[in-house]
């Protein structure tokens, strides 16, 4: 027979399990994964998504920033929500965000972005290299779930932390975009918050469309599969991922950050560069991350083209040019320095017929880029889509959005690894071939 004391103890322990390990509690079935649509803006090359936010829910457009540490939105104009809550100073969300001092006073009556004694942060806009002080807040966000092949119902996550920003910080963003969604590797990064809200694995995958016309890429949060249409048949590209470690930079590489804050950008261990199996002679020490946070290689969705430290860029372009002795060089078009006559290359399934670029990575893996990701057509000429970052950039190589378009990229935060596919064009599909239509 169980004593009354033991019975009370069992109830108490059960309560603790639910409190501290909510995923173990028996609740209604949770979604295993979520999706967001992503389009590409022709003028700015920014990748844009839409999320339902607030109470009542309204669709809000955001620019996707892979490495930014948290989501921020314009709270100055038109922000109305009954579920909005400022984050108090000293609270756990405040501490986990590496926030600064609290906002002690605010002119005017309390409103979104204007409350006393709240946690402050510094939302950053990469496109104008500007940050401001802003209130840290929480509100409801709603995303569409997906179970395997077909999208399903929308589910809401309450108390998602984000930063409030003034309307002026939206300068440089696409028209009607209200802020930036940060997918960075941190406690208040959107992927981690979503994973914690729904007890999902801390992983997400992006597949950015290269098309500027009626094509929609996708971001997945949570479990695979990642299914795209190949002609009329679905194909799960999660089974084709190759994995390499994600590295941690101990110093923030954001344009604005607090003292002691590590980088939330995603770094990979680049070990070599080859072009059509020809080794590019570079100083490989530049590929290592120093204790001061310099060097290394990161992936970005806000840099449209890959940027390389000057000595790496020079060696890279010289090798590329030597391998195309018969191609007709033309006057370069900024920001590029190597351009060719538009008829210099034939067309292939994977873009212009130029030598493939092979990035050697940790674990003896190779990421191969073909013409669709190495060449950019500008003003009727074709240019090598890599740019000179200068002699002393913070990060030696920043792999830009053009180079990852039509590749499936999985950022497995929990297991500290990057999964990447070959170009989907090889299989005669693309990131724009995800089926957003719900099952009837």
Protein backbone atom coordinates (compact mmCIF):
# COMPACT_ATOMS: atom_id res chain seq x y z
CA UNK A 1 0.00 0.00 0.00
CA UNK A 2 1.29 3.48 -0.90
CA UNK A 3 1.37 5.89 2.02
CA UNK A 4 -0.25 9.31 1.91
CA UNK A 5 3.21 10.90 2.11
CA UNK A 6 4.47 8.91 -0.87
CA UNK A 7 1.35 9.75 -2.83
CA UNK A 8 1.87 13.46 -2.26
CA UNK A 9 5.54 13.06 -3.24
CA UNK A 10 4.59 11.34 -6.51
CA UNK A 11 2.19 14.15 -7.39
CA UNK A 12 4.86 16.73 -6.57
CA UNK A 13 7.50 14.97 -8.71
CA UNK A 14 5.03 14.68 -11.59
CA UNK A 15 4.39 18.40 -11.36
CA UNK A 16 8.13 19.09 -11.50
CA UNK A 17 8.51 16.92 -14.60
CA UNK A 18 5.78 18.85 -16.40
CA UNK A 19 7.18 22.18 -15.25
CA UNK A 20 10.80 21.62 -16.25
CA UNK A 21 10.38 19.08 -19.06
CA UNK A 22 7.21 20.20 -20.89
CA UNK A 23 7.93 17.88 -23.84
CA UNK A 24 7.32 14.88 -21.56
CA UNK A 25 3.84 16.05 -20.62
CA UNK A 26 0.90 14.33 -22.29
CA UNK A 27 -0.69 17.04 -24.37
CA UNK A 28 -2.42 17.30 -27.71
CA UNK A 29 -0.18 16.22 -30.61
CA UNK A 30 2.29 18.95 -31.52
CA UNK A 31 3.36 19.82 -35.05
CA UNK A 32 6.65 18.19 -36.03
CA UNK A 33 7.67 20.94 -38.42
CA UNK A 34 6.71 24.33 -39.84
CA UNK A 35 7.26 26.11 -43.15
CA UNK A 36 7.65 29.69 -44.31
CA UNK A 37 7.44 30.86 -47.94
CA UNK A 38 10.39 32.92 -49.22
CA UNK A 39 10.47 35.12 -52.34
CA UNK A 40 13.32 37.08 -53.93
CA UNK A 41 13.04 40.79 -54.59
CA UNK A 42 14.37 41.76 -58.02
CA UNK A 43 15.70 45.21 -57.13
CA UNK A 44 17.41 44.52 -53.80
CA UNK A 45 18.08 40.75 -54.06
CA UNK A 46 16.66 40.44 -50.54
CA UNK A 47 14.80 37.27 -49.60
CA UNK A 48 11.39 38.02 -48.08
CA UNK A 49 9.01 35.96 -45.96
CA UNK A 50 5.62 36.59 -44.34
CA UNK A 51 4.65 35.59 -40.78
CA UNK A 52 1.34 36.05 -39.00
CA UNK A 53 1.92 38.00 -35.80
CA UNK A 54 -0.01 39.73 -32.98
CA UNK A 55 -3.58 39.41 -31.64
CA UNK A 56 -5.57 39.53 -33.78
CA UNK A 57 -3.14 37.94 -36.23
CA UNK A 58 -1.98 40.01 -39.21
CA UNK A 59 0.50 39.05 -41.96
CA UNK A 60 3.84 40.83 -41.51
CA UNK A 61 6.64 40.84 -44.08
CA UNK A 62 10.26 40.30 -43.00
CA UNK A 63 13.63 40.19 -44.72
CA UNK A 64 15.47 36.94 -43.96
CA UNK A 65 18.83 37.38 -42.20
CA UNK A 66 20.43 34.00 -41.58
CA UNK A 67 22.90 35.15 -38.94
CA UNK A 68 21.08 37.94 -37.09
CA UNK A 69 20.56 37.05 -33.44
CA UNK A 70 16.87 37.86 -33.10
CA UNK A 71 13.79 39.12 -34.91
CA UNK A 72 12.91 42.81 -34.91
CA UNK A 73 9.90 44.70 -36.21
CA UNK A 74 8.78 48.30 -36.57
CA UNK A 75 6.65 49.04 -33.48
CA UNK A 76 6.46 52.78 -34.07
CA UNK A 77 3.73 52.79 -36.70
CA UNK A 78 0.64 50.62 -36.78
CA UNK A 79 1.58 48.02 -34.18
CA UNK A 80 -1.67 46.96 -32.48
CA UNK A 81 -1.87 43.76 -30.42
CA UNK A 82 -3.66 42.72 -27.24
CA UNK A 83 -1.02 40.04 -26.56
CA UNK A 84 2.01 42.37 -26.69
CA UNK A 85 4.16 42.24 -23.54
CA UNK A 86 7.37 44.18 -22.86
CA UNK A 87 10.20 42.05 -21.46
CA UNK A 88 11.07 43.17 -17.90
CA UNK A 89 14.62 44.04 -16.89
CA UNK A 90 16.42 41.15 -15.23
CA UNK A 91 14.06 38.51 -16.64
CA UNK A 92 15.38 35.27 -18.17
CA UNK A 93 14.58 36.36 -21.77
CA UNK A 94 16.41 39.62 -21.08
CA UNK A 95 19.50 37.84 -19.77
CA UNK A 96 19.54 35.28 -22.58
CA UNK A 97 19.43 38.03 -25.18
CA UNK A 98 22.70 39.55 -23.87
CA UNK A 99 20.70 42.74 -23.43
CA UNK A 100 21.95 46.05 -22.15
CA UNK A 101 20.50 48.18 -19.39
CA UNK A 102 16.76 48.65 -19.05
CA UNK A 103 14.83 51.51 -20.55
CA UNK A 104 14.28 53.76 -17.53
CA UNK A 105 11.81 56.22 -19.02
CA UNK A 106 9.70 56.73 -22.09
CA UNK A 107 7.89 59.87 -23.16
CA UNK A 108 4.20 59.41 -23.78
CA UNK A 109 1.70 56.80 -22.64
CA UNK A 110 2.73 53.11 -22.58
CA UNK A 111 2.55 51.48 -26.01
CA UNK A 112 4.47 48.89 -28.08
CA UNK A 113 8.09 50.01 -28.05
CA UNK A 114 7.53 52.58 -25.29
CA UNK A 115 7.41 51.20 -21.75
CA UNK A 116 9.33 51.96 -18.57
CA UNK A 117 11.83 49.63 -16.90
CA UNK A 118 11.95 47.21 -19.80
CA UNK A 119 14.77 45.24 -21.35
CA UNK A 120 16.50 47.14 -24.14
CA UNK A 121 18.27 45.81 -27.20
CA UNK A 122 19.97 47.05 -30.36
CA UNK A 123 18.18 45.87 -33.53
CA UNK A 124 20.48 46.06 -36.55
CA UNK A 125 19.84 46.66 -40.26
CA UNK A 126 22.66 45.21 -42.34
CA UNK A 127 21.58 47.04 -45.49
CA UNK A 128 22.22 50.50 -44.07
CA UNK A 129 24.84 49.37 -41.50
CA UNK A 130 22.78 50.97 -38.73
CA UNK A 131 21.45 49.97 -35.34
CA UNK A 132 19.18 51.67 -32.81
CA UNK A 133 18.09 51.13 -29.24
CA UNK A 134 14.80 49.28 -28.95
CA UNK A 135 12.54 47.64 -26.44
CA UNK A 136 12.62 43.86 -26.16
CA UNK A 137 9.09 42.42 -26.24
CA UNK A 138 7.02 39.26 -26.60
CA UNK A 139 4.01 38.49 -28.74
CA UNK A 140 2.19 35.74 -30.62
CA UNK A 141 3.47 34.33 -33.92
CA UNK A 142 1.63 31.82 -36.10
CA UNK A 143 3.19 29.49 -38.70
CA UNK A 144 1.88 26.81 -41.02
CA UNK A 145 2.69 23.26 -39.95
CA UNK A 146 3.75 20.46 -42.27
CA UNK A 147 3.51 16.73 -41.76
CA UNK A 148 5.64 15.04 -44.37
CA UNK A 149 4.61 16.06 -47.87
CA UNK A 150 1.65 18.36 -47.32
CA UNK A 151 1.27 21.66 -45.45
CA UNK A 152 -1.30 21.65 -42.68
CA UNK A 153 -2.93 23.96 -40.14
CA UNK A 154 -1.49 27.11 -38.62
CA UNK A 155 -0.28 26.91 -35.02
CA UNK A 156 0.59 29.79 -32.72
CA UNK A 157 3.61 30.25 -30.46
CA UNK A 158 2.99 32.65 -27.61
CA UNK A 159 5.56 34.92 -25.96
CA UNK A 160 8.08 34.87 -28.83
CA UNK A 161 10.82 37.38 -28.01
CA UNK A 162 11.59 40.09 -30.56
CA UNK A 163 12.96 43.61 -30.71
CA UNK A 164 10.95 46.77 -31.29
CA UNK A 165 12.53 49.26 -33.67
CA UNK A 166 11.65 52.74 -34.92
CA UNK A 167 10.33 53.13 -38.46
CA UNK A 168 13.60 54.77 -39.55
CA UNK A 169 15.43 51.43 -39.22
CA UNK A 170 13.39 50.04 -42.13
CA UNK A 171 15.38 52.16 -44.59
CA UNK A 172 16.93 49.96 -47.26
CA UNK A 173 14.39 47.19 -46.82
CA UNK A 174 11.91 46.21 -49.50
CA UNK A 175 8.72 48.30 -49.56
CA UNK A 176 6.12 47.12 -47.01
CA UNK A 177 8.68 44.95 -45.18
CA UNK A 178 8.30 45.68 -41.46
CA UNK A 179 11.50 44.22 -40.08
CA UNK A 180 14.09 41.44 -40.18
CA UNK A 181 13.73 37.84 -39.07
CA UNK A 182 16.96 36.69 -37.46
CA UNK A 183 17.68 32.96 -37.81
CA UNK A 184 20.92 33.21 -35.84
CA UNK A 185 22.37 30.61 -33.50
CA UNK A 186 21.39 32.06 -30.12
CA UNK A 187 18.84 31.70 -27.31
CA UNK A 188 16.53 34.31 -28.82
CA UNK A 189 17.13 33.31 -32.45
CA UNK A 190 13.81 32.49 -34.09
CA UNK A 191 14.65 28.80 -34.78
CA UNK A 192 15.57 28.13 -31.14
CA UNK A 193 12.50 29.92 -29.80
CA UNK A 194 10.23 27.96 -32.14
CA UNK A 195 11.91 24.68 -31.19
CA UNK A 196 11.43 25.43 -27.49
CA UNK A 197 7.78 26.42 -27.96
CA UNK A 198 6.83 23.21 -29.75
CA UNK A 199 9.40 20.76 -28.35
CA UNK A 200 10.94 20.26 -31.79
CA UNK A 201 14.58 19.57 -32.67
CA UNK A 202 16.70 22.71 -32.87
CA UNK A 203 17.23 22.62 -36.59
CA UNK A 204 15.97 24.42 -39.67
CA UNK A 205 16.59 24.29 -43.40
CA UNK A 206 16.50 26.94 -46.10
CA UNK A 207 16.05 26.58 -49.83
CA UNK A 208 16.24 29.99 -51.52
CA UNK A 209 14.84 30.50 -54.97
CA UNK A 210 17.04 32.01 -57.66
CA UNK A 211 14.05 33.08 -59.74
CA UNK A 212 12.68 36.61 -59.71
CA UNK A 213 9.39 35.63 -61.34
CA UNK A 214 6.51 33.83 -59.58
CA UNK A 215 8.76 31.45 -57.68
CA UNK A 216 8.71 30.78 -53.95
CA UNK A 217 11.46 29.18 -51.90
CA UNK A 218 10.95 27.71 -48.44
CA UNK A 219 12.27 27.63 -44.88
CA UNK A 220 11.61 24.47 -42.82
CA UNK A 221 11.69 24.44 -39.01
CA UNK A 222 11.93 21.12 -37.20
CA UNK A 223 11.94 17.61 -38.60
CA UNK A 224 12.48 16.56 -42.22
CA UNK A 225 11.51 15.31 -44.82
CA UNK A 226 12.18 18.14 -47.26
CA UNK A 227 10.19 17.24 -50.33
CA UNK A 228 10.34 18.95 -53.74
CA UNK A 229 8.59 18.09 -56.95
CA UNK A 230 10.75 16.51 -59.65
CA UNK A 231 8.47 16.66 -62.67
CA UNK A 232 5.30 15.07 -61.20
CA UNK A 233 7.01 13.01 -58.49
CA UNK A 234 7.95 14.07 -54.94
CA UNK A 235 11.59 13.59 -53.91
CA UNK A 236 12.91 13.88 -50.34
CA UNK A 237 16.16 15.83 -50.50
CA UNK A 238 16.90 15.34 -46.80
CA UNK A 239 18.33 11.96 -47.80
CA UNK A 240 20.88 13.69 -50.04
CA UNK A 241 22.43 15.99 -47.48
CA UNK A 242 26.17 15.92 -46.82
CA UNK A 243 27.28 17.09 -43.36
CA UNK A 244 30.13 19.25 -42.13
CA UNK A 245 30.63 20.81 -38.66
CA UNK A 246 29.25 24.21 -37.74
CA UNK A 247 31.89 26.26 -35.92
CA UNK A 248 31.42 28.78 -33.14
CA UNK A 249 33.02 32.21 -33.33
CA UNK A 250 33.60 33.45 -29.74
CA UNK A 251 33.18 37.12 -30.74
CA UNK A 252 30.08 38.64 -32.30
CA UNK A 253 30.35 39.42 -36.02
CA UNK A 254 27.20 41.53 -36.04
CA UNK A 255 27.29 45.21 -36.87
CA UNK A 256 26.16 45.90 -33.29
CA UNK A 257 26.50 43.77 -30.19
CA UNK A 258 27.04 43.78 -26.42
CA UNK A 259 30.33 43.09 -24.69
CA UNK A 260 31.01 39.35 -24.33
CA UNK A 261 28.37 38.31 -26.86
CA UNK A 262 29.44 35.43 -29.15
CA UNK A 263 28.65 35.40 -32.86
CA UNK A 264 25.28 34.02 -33.91
CA UNK A 265 26.44 33.69 -37.53
CA UNK A 266 26.92 30.20 -38.98
CA UNK A 267 30.58 29.44 -39.65
CA UNK A 268 31.94 26.41 -41.49
CA UNK A 269 35.46 25.00 -41.71
CA UNK A 270 36.68 25.82 -45.21
CA UNK A 271 40.05 24.13 -45.82
CA UNK A 272 40.73 24.70 -49.53
CA UNK A 273 39.38 26.10 -52.79
CA UNK A 274 39.71 24.37 -56.15
CA UNK A 275 38.42 25.34 -59.57
CA UNK A 276 37.94 22.37 -61.87
CA UNK A 277 40.36 20.45 -59.61
CA UNK A 278 43.01 23.21 -59.80
CA UNK A 279 44.09 24.32 -56.32
CA UNK A 280 43.71 28.05 -55.64
CA UNK A 281 46.92 29.16 -53.84
CA UNK A 282 45.69 30.97 -50.72
CA UNK A 283 46.95 31.67 -47.22
CA UNK A 284 44.97 29.02 -45.32
CA UNK A 285 45.59 30.70 -41.96
CA UNK A 286 42.97 33.23 -43.07
CA UNK A 287 40.43 30.40 -43.03
CA UNK A 288 40.80 29.89 -39.27
CA UNK A 289 38.82 31.81 -36.65
CA UNK A 290 41.13 33.61 -34.25
CA UNK A 291 40.44 34.12 -30.53
CA UNK A 292 39.58 37.72 -31.42
CA UNK A 293 36.86 36.56 -33.82
CA UNK A 294 38.70 37.39 -37.03
CA UNK A 295 38.92 35.18 -40.13
CA UNK A 296 36.97 32.06 -41.00
CA UNK A 297 34.07 31.45 -43.38
CA UNK A 298 30.41 32.15 -42.74
CA UNK A 299 27.18 31.87 -44.72
CA UNK A 300 24.93 34.89 -45.28
CA UNK A 301 21.55 35.60 -46.84
CA UNK A 302 21.93 39.39 -46.69
CA UNK A 303 25.15 39.55 -48.72
CA UNK A 304 23.98 38.99 -52.30
CA UNK A 305 27.40 37.74 -53.51
CA UNK A 306 30.30 35.91 -51.90
CA UNK A 307 32.91 38.29 -50.46
CA UNK A 308 36.57 37.31 -50.16
CA UNK A 309 39.58 38.89 -48.46
CA UNK A 310 41.72 40.59 -51.12
CA UNK A 311 44.56 38.06 -51.38
CA UNK A 312 42.06 35.17 -51.55
CA UNK A 313 39.96 37.02 -54.11
CA UNK A 314 42.97 37.78 -56.33
CA UNK A 315 44.21 34.18 -56.31
CA UNK A 316 40.67 32.91 -56.91
CA UNK A 317 39.91 35.16 -59.89
CA UNK A 318 43.36 34.62 -61.46
CA UNK A 319 42.85 30.85 -61.36
CA UNK A 320 39.35 31.15 -62.79
CA UNK A 321 40.47 33.40 -65.67
CA UNK A 322 43.37 31.07 -66.59
CA UNK A 323 40.93 28.20 -67.02
CA UNK A 324 38.92 30.16 -69.61
CA UNK A 325 41.58 31.34 -72.07
CA UNK A 326 39.18 31.50 -75.03
CA UNK A 327 36.35 33.33 -73.30
CA UNK A 328 35.96 37.00 -74.28
CA UNK A 329 36.57 39.40 -71.38
CA UNK A 330 34.58 42.64 -71.38
CA UNK A 331 34.52 45.81 -69.29
CA UNK A 332 33.54 44.79 -65.73
CA UNK A 333 30.24 45.82 -64.21
CA UNK A 334 30.38 46.88 -60.55
CA UNK A 335 30.64 45.34 -58.05
CA UNK A 336 32.27 42.59 -60.12
CA UNK A 337 35.76 42.69 -61.62
CA UNK A 338 35.68 39.69 -63.95
CA UNK A 339 33.05 39.78 -66.71
CA UNK A 340 32.65 38.05 -70.05
CA UNK A 341 30.65 38.46 -73.24
CA UNK A 342 27.21 36.94 -72.73
CA UNK A 343 27.85 34.40 -75.50
CA UNK A 344 31.11 33.13 -74.01
CA UNK A 345 29.52 30.14 -72.24
CA UNK A 346 27.09 27.52 -73.37
CA UNK A 347 24.07 26.61 -71.26
CA UNK A 348 23.95 23.47 -69.15
CA UNK A 349 21.41 21.98 -66.74
CA UNK A 350 23.28 23.71 -63.90
CA UNK A 351 23.72 27.10 -65.57
CA UNK A 352 26.50 28.63 -67.70
CA UNK A 353 29.15 26.11 -68.75
CA UNK A 354 32.06 27.33 -66.63
CA UNK A 355 34.57 25.34 -64.52
CA UNK A 356 33.02 24.11 -61.25
CA UNK A 357 34.21 25.64 -57.97
CA UNK A 358 35.01 23.12 -55.25
CA UNK A 359 35.07 24.19 -51.59
CA UNK A 360 36.98 21.74 -49.39
CA UNK A 361 35.39 21.44 -45.94
CA UNK A 362 36.07 19.71 -42.64
CA UNK A 363 35.38 15.95 -42.53
CA UNK A 364 36.80 15.70 -46.08
CA UNK A 365 33.57 16.96 -47.61
CA UNK A 366 33.33 18.99 -50.81
CA UNK A 367 30.73 21.59 -51.73
CA UNK A 368 30.65 22.04 -55.51
CA UNK A 369 29.23 25.17 -57.12
CA UNK A 370 28.25 25.18 -60.78
CA UNK A 371 27.61 28.01 -63.23
CA UNK A 372 24.16 28.94 -61.91
CA UNK A 373 25.75 29.85 -58.57
CA UNK A 374 29.08 31.24 -59.78
CA UNK A 375 27.99 33.42 -62.71
CA UNK A 376 25.69 36.45 -62.58
CA UNK A 377 24.12 38.01 -65.67
CA UNK A 378 24.31 41.82 -65.50
CA UNK A 379 23.46 44.24 -68.32
CA UNK A 380 23.81 41.60 -71.04
CA UNK A 381 27.20 40.37 -69.82
CA UNK A 382 28.10 37.47 -67.54
CA UNK A 383 30.21 38.17 -64.47
CA UNK A 384 31.93 36.00 -61.91
CA UNK A 385 29.64 36.55 -58.90
CA UNK A 386 32.32 37.05 -56.25
CA UNK A 387 33.56 40.38 -54.88
CA UNK A 388 36.64 41.77 -53.15
CA UNK A 389 36.01 42.35 -49.43
CA UNK A 390 39.20 44.34 -48.88
CA UNK A 391 42.53 43.46 -47.21
CA UNK A 392 41.30 43.21 -43.60
CA UNK A 393 37.64 42.15 -43.38
CA UNK A 394 36.34 40.78 -40.09
CA UNK A 395 35.47 37.48 -41.79
CA UNK A 396 37.79 36.23 -44.56
CA UNK A 397 35.04 34.67 -46.70
CA UNK A 398 31.31 35.37 -46.55
CA UNK A 399 29.34 33.00 -48.77
CA UNK A 400 26.50 35.07 -50.20
CA UNK A 401 22.89 34.32 -51.10
CA UNK A 402 23.53 33.85 -54.83
CA UNK A 403 25.93 31.01 -54.08
CA UNK A 404 23.41 29.06 -51.96
CA UNK A 405 20.30 29.54 -54.08
CA UNK A 406 18.70 26.30 -55.29
CA UNK A 407 20.68 24.36 -52.69
CA UNK A 408 19.02 22.80 -49.65
CA UNK A 409 20.90 23.92 -46.52
CA UNK A 410 20.09 22.39 -43.13
CA UNK A 411 21.37 24.15 -40.00
CA UNK A 412 21.32 21.52 -37.26
CA UNK A 413 21.93 23.73 -34.22
CA UNK A 414 21.60 20.93 -31.66
CA UNK A 415 24.19 18.72 -33.35
CA UNK A 416 26.41 21.61 -34.53
CA UNK A 417 26.48 20.61 -38.16
CA UNK A 418 25.52 21.92 -41.58
CA UNK A 419 23.82 19.65 -44.07
CA UNK A 420 23.99 20.73 -47.70
CA UNK A 421 22.83 19.27 -50.98
CA UNK A 422 24.20 19.60 -54.46
CA UNK A 423 22.38 22.03 -56.71
CA UNK A 424 18.77 20.94 -57.08
CA UNK A 425 19.13 21.83 -60.75
CA UNK A 426 21.04 18.57 -61.22
CA UNK A 427 17.78 16.75 -60.55
CA UNK A 428 15.89 19.12 -62.84
CA UNK A 429 14.08 20.80 -59.99
CA UNK A 430 14.64 23.95 -57.92
CA UNK A 431 13.83 25.51 -54.56
CA UNK A 432 10.77 27.06 -56.21
CA UNK A 433 9.29 23.59 -56.69
CA UNK A 434 8.09 23.05 -53.15
CA UNK A 435 4.35 22.34 -53.02
CA UNK A 436 2.65 24.84 -50.69
CA UNK A 437 -0.79 23.43 -51.51
CA UNK A 438 -2.52 21.67 -48.61
CA UNK A 439 -3.81 18.14 -49.10
CA UNK A 440 -7.48 18.14 -50.02
